[in-house]
Amino acid sequence: MPDMTSLLAFLAASFFIAVVPGPTVTVIIASALSRGTMAGMAIILGTQLGLVSMILVVAFGLEAVMSLMGWAFDWIKLVGAAYLVWLGYRMLRSSGEIEPLAAERHRSLRGYVVQGFVVIWSNPKALLMFGAFLPQFVVANGAALPQILVLGGLFMLATTLSDSVYAVLAGQARHWINAARVRLVNRVSGAVLIGGGIWLALQRRA
């Protein structure tokens, strides 16, 4: 098992990775602004479920999985790119309307959870980066599985805390901003997601 110094270094690196805005943070902010903090939290739940699945893939043999599924990753990448473009298009078309809190209580959050899961899996390179990042902190003379599970848990902790701050701040901001400003955020978010989807589609698998 890595020593405390290595674990703290890993946690610090995880926070640095988590706070850098990307497609996940973009969706969290846009959802929390237009639908409330709980919508952003539901997105986070979905992304965390996606991270659990990624950690399990890494823990039980990323190389073996990649050798079996490598042929499918180009298709997964294209589907993920198309999803990001579609999500960005929806944000560009959004009216910026802020739903009243009473309506939110009756709104199912399941769709946001699914959306979060799909967003984190829309880029298969995230899985490859996960597979390259975690092993650097695994002690060679120790059992790999428990180490990866512990490190993965720390990474999930870092991303949960960071993403939750974004969700809470955006959820609170919705009470003092108007629909025009939410619409502006959605326009910027939509453009970022569409650009990310196009970039992803143009990348070649190493």
C-alpha atoms as a PDB file:
ATOM      1  CA  MET A   1       0.000   0.000   0.000  1.00  0.00           C
ATOM      2  CA  PRO A   2       1.346   3.503  -0.810  1.00  0.00           C
ATOM      3  CA  ASP A   3       2.638   5.487   2.180  1.00  0.00           C
ATOM      4  CA  MET A   4       0.829   8.538   3.541  1.00  0.00           C
ATOM      5  CA  THR A   5       3.016  10.945   1.556  1.00  0.00           C
ATOM      6  CA  SER A   6       2.148   9.214  -1.721  1.00  0.00           C
ATOM      7  CA  LEU A   7      -1.552   9.140  -0.816  1.00  0.00           C
ATOM      8  CA  LEU A   8      -1.555  12.860  -0.038  1.00  0.00           C
ATOM      9  CA  ALA A   9       0.265  13.578  -3.301  1.00  0.00           C
ATOM     10  CA  PHE A  10      -2.284  11.486  -5.168  1.00  0.00           C
ATOM     11  CA  LEU A  11      -5.173  13.280  -3.448  1.00  0.00           C
ATOM     12  CA  ALA A  12      -3.678  16.691  -4.301  1.00  0.00           C
ATOM     13  CA  ALA A  13      -3.233  15.652  -7.936  1.00  0.00           C
ATOM     14  CA  SER A  14      -6.802  14.344  -7.981  1.00  0.00           C
ATOM     15  CA  PHE A  15      -8.159  17.681  -6.737  1.00  0.00           C
ATOM     16  CA  PHE A  16      -6.154  19.495  -9.417  1.00  0.00           C
ATOM     17  CA  ILE A  17      -7.626  17.261 -12.113  1.00  0.00           C
ATOM     18  CA  ALA A  18     -11.135  17.586 -10.641  1.00  0.00           C
ATOM     19  CA  VAL A  19     -11.272  21.382 -10.451  1.00  0.00           C
ATOM     20  CA  VAL A  20     -10.262  21.903 -14.089  1.00  0.00           C
ATOM     21  CA  PRO A  21     -13.546  22.541 -15.929  1.00  0.00           C
ATOM     22  CA  GLY A  22     -14.481  19.983 -18.551  1.00  0.00           C
ATOM     23  CA  PRO A  23     -17.654  18.469 -20.017  1.00  0.00           C
ATOM     24  CA  THR A  24     -18.744  17.114 -16.626  1.00  0.00           C
ATOM     25  CA  VAL A  25     -18.369  20.433 -14.797  1.00  0.00           C
ATOM     26  CA  THR A  26     -20.031  22.219 -17.705  1.00  0.00           C
ATOM     27  CA  VAL A  27     -23.108  19.983 -17.495  1.00  0.00           C
ATOM     28  CA  ILE A  28     -23.228  20.238 -13.692  1.00  0.00           C
ATOM     29  CA  ILE A  29     -23.209  24.048 -13.744  1.00  0.00           C
ATOM     30  CA  ALA A  30     -25.751  24.332 -16.554  1.00  0.00           C
ATOM     31  CA  SER A  31     -28.114  21.827 -14.903  1.00  0.00           C
ATOM     32  CA  ALA A  32     -27.837  23.403 -11.456  1.00  0.00           C
ATOM     33  CA  LEU A  33     -28.430  26.889 -12.848  1.00  0.00           C
ATOM     34  CA  SER A  34     -31.565  25.960 -14.748  1.00  0.00           C
ATOM     35  CA  ARG A  35     -32.977  23.149 -12.556  1.00  0.00           C
ATOM     36  CA  GLY A  36     -31.486  23.643  -9.090  1.00  0.00           C
ATOM     37  CA  THR A  37     -28.762  22.196  -6.890  1.00  0.00           C
ATOM     38  CA  MET A  38     -30.380  18.748  -6.732  1.00  0.00           C
ATOM     39  CA  ALA A  39     -30.154  18.424 -10.522  1.00  0.00           C
ATOM     40  CA  GLY A  40     -26.431  19.150 -10.317  1.00  0.00           C
ATOM     41  CA  MET A  41     -26.066  16.628  -7.495  1.00  0.00           C
ATOM     42  CA  ALA A  42     -27.887  14.010  -9.562  1.00  0.00           C
ATOM     43  CA  ILE A  43     -25.418  14.608 -12.398  1.00  0.00           C
ATOM     44  CA  ILE A  44     -22.599  14.080  -9.871  1.00  0.00           C
ATOM     45  CA  LEU A  45     -24.162  10.804  -8.717  1.00  0.00           C
ATOM     46  CA  GLY A  46     -24.191   9.612 -12.314  1.00  0.00           C
ATOM     47  CA  THR A  47     -20.571  10.599 -12.877  1.00  0.00           C
ATOM     48  CA  GLN A  48     -19.523   8.826  -9.687  1.00  0.00           C
ATOM     49  CA  LEU A  49     -21.273   5.649 -10.814  1.00  0.00           C
ATOM     50  CA  GLY A  50     -19.354   5.997 -14.069  1.00  0.00           C
ATOM     51  CA  LEU A  51     -16.090   6.398 -12.154  1.00  0.00           C
ATOM     52  CA  VAL A  52     -16.866   3.249 -10.148  1.00  0.00           C
ATOM     53  CA  SER A  53     -17.194   1.296 -13.378  1.00  0.00           C
ATOM     54  CA  MET A  54     -13.918   2.792 -14.678  1.00  0.00           C
ATOM     55  CA  ILE A  55     -12.085   1.933 -11.458  1.00  0.00           C
ATOM     56  CA  LEU A  56     -13.335  -1.644 -11.665  1.00  0.00           C
ATOM     57  CA  VAL A  57     -12.091  -1.916 -15.254  1.00  0.00           C
ATOM     58  CA  VAL A  58      -8.671  -0.654 -14.165  1.00  0.00           C
ATOM     59  CA  ALA A  59      -8.622  -2.858 -11.061  1.00  0.00           C
ATOM     60  CA  PHE A  60      -9.491  -6.052 -12.899  1.00  0.00           C
ATOM     61  CA  GLY A  61      -7.133  -5.565 -15.811  1.00  0.00           C
ATOM     62  CA  LEU A  62      -7.344  -2.589 -18.151  1.00  0.00           C
ATOM     63  CA  GLU A  63      -4.848  -4.096 -20.564  1.00  0.00           C
ATOM     64  CA  ALA A  64      -6.852  -7.313 -20.926  1.00  0.00           C
ATOM     65  CA  VAL A  65     -10.098  -5.390 -21.427  1.00  0.00           C
ATOM     66  CA  MET A  66      -8.487  -3.099 -23.980  1.00  0.00           C
ATOM     67  CA  SER A  67      -7.107  -6.052 -25.951  1.00  0.00           C
ATOM     68  CA  LEU A  68     -10.584  -7.549 -26.129  1.00  0.00           C
ATOM     69  CA  MET A  69     -12.538  -4.331 -26.713  1.00  0.00           C
ATOM     70  CA  GLY A  70      -9.996  -2.156 -28.498  1.00  0.00           C
ATOM     71  CA  TRP A  71     -11.823  -2.590 -31.796  1.00  0.00           C
ATOM     72  CA  ALA A  72     -14.944  -1.065 -30.247  1.00  0.00           C
ATOM     73  CA  PHE A  73     -13.337   2.040 -28.776  1.00  0.00           C
ATOM     74  CA  ASP A  74     -13.395   3.978 -32.048  1.00  0.00           C
ATOM     75  CA  TRP A  75     -17.150   3.446 -32.207  1.00  0.00           C
ATOM     76  CA  ILE A  76     -17.551   4.330 -28.520  1.00  0.00           C
ATOM     77  CA  LYS A  77     -15.549   7.487 -29.156  1.00  0.00           C
ATOM     78  CA  LEU A  78     -17.788   8.505 -32.072  1.00  0.00           C
ATOM     79  CA  VAL A  79     -20.953   7.812 -30.089  1.00  0.00           C
ATOM     80  CA  GLY A  80     -19.565   9.832 -27.185  1.00  0.00           C
ATOM     81  CA  ALA A  81     -18.599  12.684 -29.502  1.00  0.00           C
ATOM     82  CA  ALA A  82     -22.081  12.693 -31.033  1.00  0.00           C
ATOM     83  CA  TYR A  83     -23.633  12.776 -27.565  1.00  0.00           C
ATOM     84  CA  LEU A  84     -21.530  15.777 -26.517  1.00  0.00           C
ATOM     85  CA  VAL A  85     -22.481  17.629 -29.709  1.00  0.00           C
ATOM     86  CA  TRP A  86     -26.167  16.803 -29.180  1.00  0.00           C
ATOM     87  CA  LEU A  87     -25.994  17.933 -25.545  1.00  0.00           C
ATOM     88  CA  GLY A  88     -24.262  21.142 -26.596  1.00  0.00           C
ATOM     89  CA  TYR A  89     -26.912  21.757 -29.257  1.00  0.00           C
ATOM     90  CA  ARG A  90     -29.655  21.372 -26.651  1.00  0.00           C
ATOM     91  CA  MET A  91     -27.908  23.925 -24.436  1.00  0.00           C
ATOM     92  CA  LEU A  92     -27.586  26.353 -27.335  1.00  0.00           C
ATOM     93  CA  ARG A  93     -31.325  26.009 -27.935  1.00  0.00           C
ATOM     94  CA  SER A  94     -32.200  26.395 -24.257  1.00  0.00           C
ATOM     95  CA  SER A  95     -34.441  29.309 -23.332  1.00  0.00           C
ATOM     96  CA  GLY A  96     -32.674  29.785 -20.012  1.00  0.00           C
ATOM     97  CA  GLU A  97     -35.953  29.357 -18.158  1.00  0.00           C
ATOM     98  CA  ILE A  98     -35.465  28.695 -14.449  1.00  0.00           C
ATOM     99  CA  GLU A  99     -37.918  26.138 -13.099  1.00  0.00           C
ATOM    100  CA  PRO A 100     -39.677  27.034  -9.844  1.00  0.00           C
ATOM    101  CA  LEU A 101     -38.665  25.060  -6.768  1.00  0.00           C
ATOM    102  CA  ALA A 102     -42.133  23.544  -6.434  1.00  0.00           C
ATOM    103  CA  ALA A 103     -41.787  21.976  -9.873  1.00  0.00           C
ATOM    104  CA  GLU A 104     -38.361  20.588  -9.013  1.00  0.00           C
ATOM    105  CA  ARG A 105     -39.747  18.571  -6.100  1.00  0.00           C
ATOM    106  CA  HIS A 106     -41.953  16.629  -8.514  1.00  0.00           C
ATOM    107  CA  ARG A 107     -39.286  16.199 -11.153  1.00  0.00           C
ATOM    108  CA  SER A 108     -37.545  12.830 -11.428  1.00  0.00           C
ATOM    109  CA  LEU A 109     -33.796  13.054 -11.041  1.00  0.00           C
ATOM    110  CA  ARG A 110     -33.140   9.700 -12.701  1.00  0.00           C
ATOM    111  CA  GLY A 111     -32.571  11.304 -16.077  1.00  0.00           C
ATOM    112  CA  TYR A 112     -29.860  13.552 -14.630  1.00  0.00           C
ATOM    113  CA  VAL A 113     -28.128  10.537 -13.079  1.00  0.00           C
ATOM    114  CA  VAL A 114     -28.136   8.753 -16.435  1.00  0.00           C
ATOM    115  CA  GLN A 115     -26.884  11.907 -18.135  1.00  0.00           C
ATOM    116  CA  GLY A 116     -23.979  12.166 -15.699  1.00  0.00           C
ATOM    117  CA  PHE A 117     -23.042   8.533 -16.297  1.00  0.00           C
ATOM    118  CA  VAL A 118     -23.097   8.970 -20.077  1.00  0.00           C
ATOM    119  CA  VAL A 119     -21.109  12.225 -19.963  1.00  0.00           C
ATOM    120  CA  ILE A 120     -18.266  10.656 -17.964  1.00  0.00           C
ATOM    121  CA  TRP A 121     -18.199   7.724 -20.377  1.00  0.00           C
ATOM    122  CA  SER A 122     -18.562   9.830 -23.537  1.00  0.00           C
ATOM    123  CA  ASN A 123     -14.792  10.088 -23.874  1.00  0.00           C
ATOM    124  CA  PRO A 124     -13.022   6.694 -23.798  1.00  0.00           C
ATOM    125  CA  LYS A 125      -9.731   8.580 -23.423  1.00  0.00           C
ATOM    126  CA  ALA A 126     -10.863   9.308 -19.859  1.00  0.00           C
ATOM    127  CA  LEU A 127     -10.647   5.592 -19.174  1.00  0.00           C
ATOM    128  CA  LEU A 128      -7.188   5.430 -20.744  1.00  0.00           C
ATOM    129  CA  MET A 129      -6.029   8.408 -18.652  1.00  0.00           C
ATOM    130  CA  PHE A 130      -7.506   6.734 -15.580  1.00  0.00           C
ATOM    131  CA  GLY A 131      -5.547   3.608 -16.393  1.00  0.00           C
ATOM    132  CA  ALA A 132      -2.324   5.607 -16.790  1.00  0.00           C
ATOM    133  CA  PHE A 133      -2.821   7.864 -13.754  1.00  0.00           C
ATOM    134  CA  LEU A 134      -3.654   5.347 -11.028  1.00  0.00           C
ATOM    135  CA  PRO A 135      -0.883   2.790 -11.687  1.00  0.00           C
ATOM    136  CA  GLN A 136       1.803   5.441 -11.089  1.00  0.00           C
ATOM    137  CA  PHE A 137       0.891   5.359  -7.385  1.00  0.00           C
ATOM    138  CA  VAL A 138       0.624   1.576  -7.043  1.00  0.00           C
ATOM    139  CA  VAL A 139       3.437  -0.029  -5.044  1.00  0.00           C
ATOM    140  CA  ALA A 140       4.978  -2.778  -7.155  1.00  0.00           C
ATOM    141  CA  ASN A 141       5.595  -5.229  -4.309  1.00  0.00           C
ATOM    142  CA  GLY A 142       2.017  -5.001  -2.986  1.00  0.00           C
ATOM    143  CA  ALA A 143      -1.306  -6.399  -4.131  1.00  0.00           C
ATOM    144  CA  ALA A 144      -2.548  -4.151  -6.948  1.00  0.00           C
ATOM    145  CA  LEU A 145      -6.309  -4.652  -6.538  1.00  0.00           C
ATOM    146  CA  PRO A 146      -6.760  -3.167  -3.025  1.00  0.00           C
ATOM    147  CA  GLN A 147      -4.383  -0.316  -3.858  1.00  0.00           C
ATOM    148  CA  ILE A 148      -6.317   0.649  -7.003  1.00  0.00           C
ATOM    149  CA  LEU A 149      -9.602   0.481  -5.092  1.00  0.00           C
ATOM    150  CA  VAL A 150      -8.234   2.772  -2.356  1.00  0.00           C
ATOM    151  CA  LEU A 151      -6.735   5.213  -4.851  1.00  0.00           C
ATOM    152  CA  GLY A 152      -9.916   5.141  -6.900  1.00  0.00           C
ATOM    153  CA  GLY A 153     -11.930   5.907  -3.777  1.00  0.00           C
ATOM    154  CA  LEU A 154      -9.714   8.909  -3.044  1.00  0.00           C
ATOM    155  CA  PHE A 155     -10.123  10.137  -6.614  1.00  0.00           C
ATOM    156  CA  MET A 156     -13.896   9.820  -6.291  1.00  0.00           C
ATOM    157  CA  LEU A 157     -13.758  11.768  -3.011  1.00  0.00           C
ATOM    158  CA  ALA A 158     -11.827  14.582  -4.671  1.00  0.00           C
ATOM    159  CA  THR A 159     -14.171  14.786  -7.655  1.00  0.00           C
ATOM    160  CA  THR A 160     -17.287  14.582  -5.483  1.00  0.00           C
ATOM    161  CA  LEU A 161     -16.147  17.470  -3.284  1.00  0.00           C
ATOM    162  CA  SER A 162     -15.027  19.615  -6.215  1.00  0.00           C
ATOM    163  CA  ASP A 163     -18.107  18.958  -8.350  1.00  0.00           C
ATOM    164  CA  SER A 164     -20.420  19.494  -5.355  1.00  0.00           C
ATOM    165  CA  VAL A 165     -18.967  22.971  -4.844  1.00  0.00           C
ATOM    166  CA  TYR A 166     -19.765  23.791  -8.481  1.00  0.00           C
ATOM    167  CA  ALA A 167     -23.308  22.409  -8.079  1.00  0.00           C
ATOM    168  CA  VAL A 168     -24.039  24.288  -4.840  1.00  0.00           C
ATOM    169  CA  LEU A 169     -22.634  27.590  -6.118  1.00  0.00           C
ATOM    170  CA  ALA A 170     -24.562  27.314  -9.384  1.00  0.00           C
ATOM    171  CA  GLY A 171     -27.714  26.245  -7.530  1.00  0.00           C
ATOM    172  CA  GLN A 172     -27.478  29.277  -5.233  1.00  0.00           C
ATOM    173  CA  ALA A 173     -26.670  31.610  -8.110  1.00  0.00           C
ATOM    174  CA  ARG A 174     -29.960  30.747  -9.819  1.00  0.00           C
ATOM    175  CA  HIS A 175     -31.794  32.733  -7.135  1.00  0.00           C
ATOM    176  CA  TRP A 176     -30.239  36.046  -8.154  1.00  0.00           C
ATOM    177  CA  ILE A 177     -29.620  35.709 -11.873  1.00  0.00           C
ATOM    178  CA  ASN A 178     -32.217  36.025 -14.578  1.00  0.00           C
ATOM    179  CA  ALA A 179     -33.102  33.828 -17.514  1.00  0.00           C
ATOM    180  CA  ALA A 180     -30.975  35.917 -19.881  1.00  0.00           C
ATOM    181  CA  ARG A 181     -27.827  35.206 -17.873  1.00  0.00           C
ATOM    182  CA  VAL A 182     -28.664  31.507 -17.595  1.00  0.00           C
ATOM    183  CA  ARG A 183     -29.175  31.507 -21.350  1.00  0.00           C
ATOM    184  CA  LEU A 184     -25.717  33.065 -21.798  1.00  0.00           C
ATOM    185  CA  VAL A 185     -24.146  30.367 -19.604  1.00  0.00           C
ATOM    186  CA  ASN A 186     -25.978  27.724 -21.629  1.00  0.00           C
ATOM    187  CA  ARG A 187     -24.696  29.231 -24.877  1.00  0.00           C
ATOM    188  CA  VAL A 188     -21.097  29.153 -23.651  1.00  0.00           C
ATOM    189  CA  SER A 189     -21.538  25.653 -22.197  1.00  0.00           C
ATOM    190  CA  GLY A 190     -23.126  24.422 -25.402  1.00  0.00           C
ATOM    191  CA  ALA A 191     -20.287  25.794 -27.499  1.00  0.00           C
ATOM    192  CA  VAL A 192     -17.727  24.122 -25.200  1.00  0.00           C
ATOM    193  CA  LEU A 193     -19.489  20.761 -25.431  1.00  0.00           C
ATOM    194  CA  ILE A 194     -19.858  20.953 -29.218  1.00  0.00           C
ATOM    195  CA  GLY A 195     -16.193  21.904 -29.555  1.00  0.00           C
ATOM    196  CA  GLY A 196     -15.221  19.050 -27.250  1.00  0.00           C
ATOM    197  CA  GLY A 197     -17.328  16.609 -29.237  1.00  0.00           C
ATOM    198  CA  ILE A 198     -15.767  17.672 -32.534  1.00  0.00           C
ATOM    199  CA  TRP A 199     -12.275  17.464 -31.025  1.00  0.00           C
ATOM    200  CA  LEU A 200     -13.008  13.997 -29.670  1.00  0.00           C
ATOM    201  CA  ALA A 201     -14.338  12.758 -33.010  1.00  0.00           C
ATOM    202  CA  LEU A 202     -11.134  13.894 -34.755  1.00  0.00           C
ATOM    203  CA  GLN A 203      -8.793  12.137 -32.341  1.00  0.00           C
ATOM    204  CA  ARG A 204      -7.151   8.901 -33.354  1.00  0.00           C
ATOM    205  CA  ARG A 205      -6.735   6.025 -30.959  1.00  0.00           C
ATOM    206  CA  ALA A 206      -3.093   5.515 -30.030  1.00  0.00           C
END
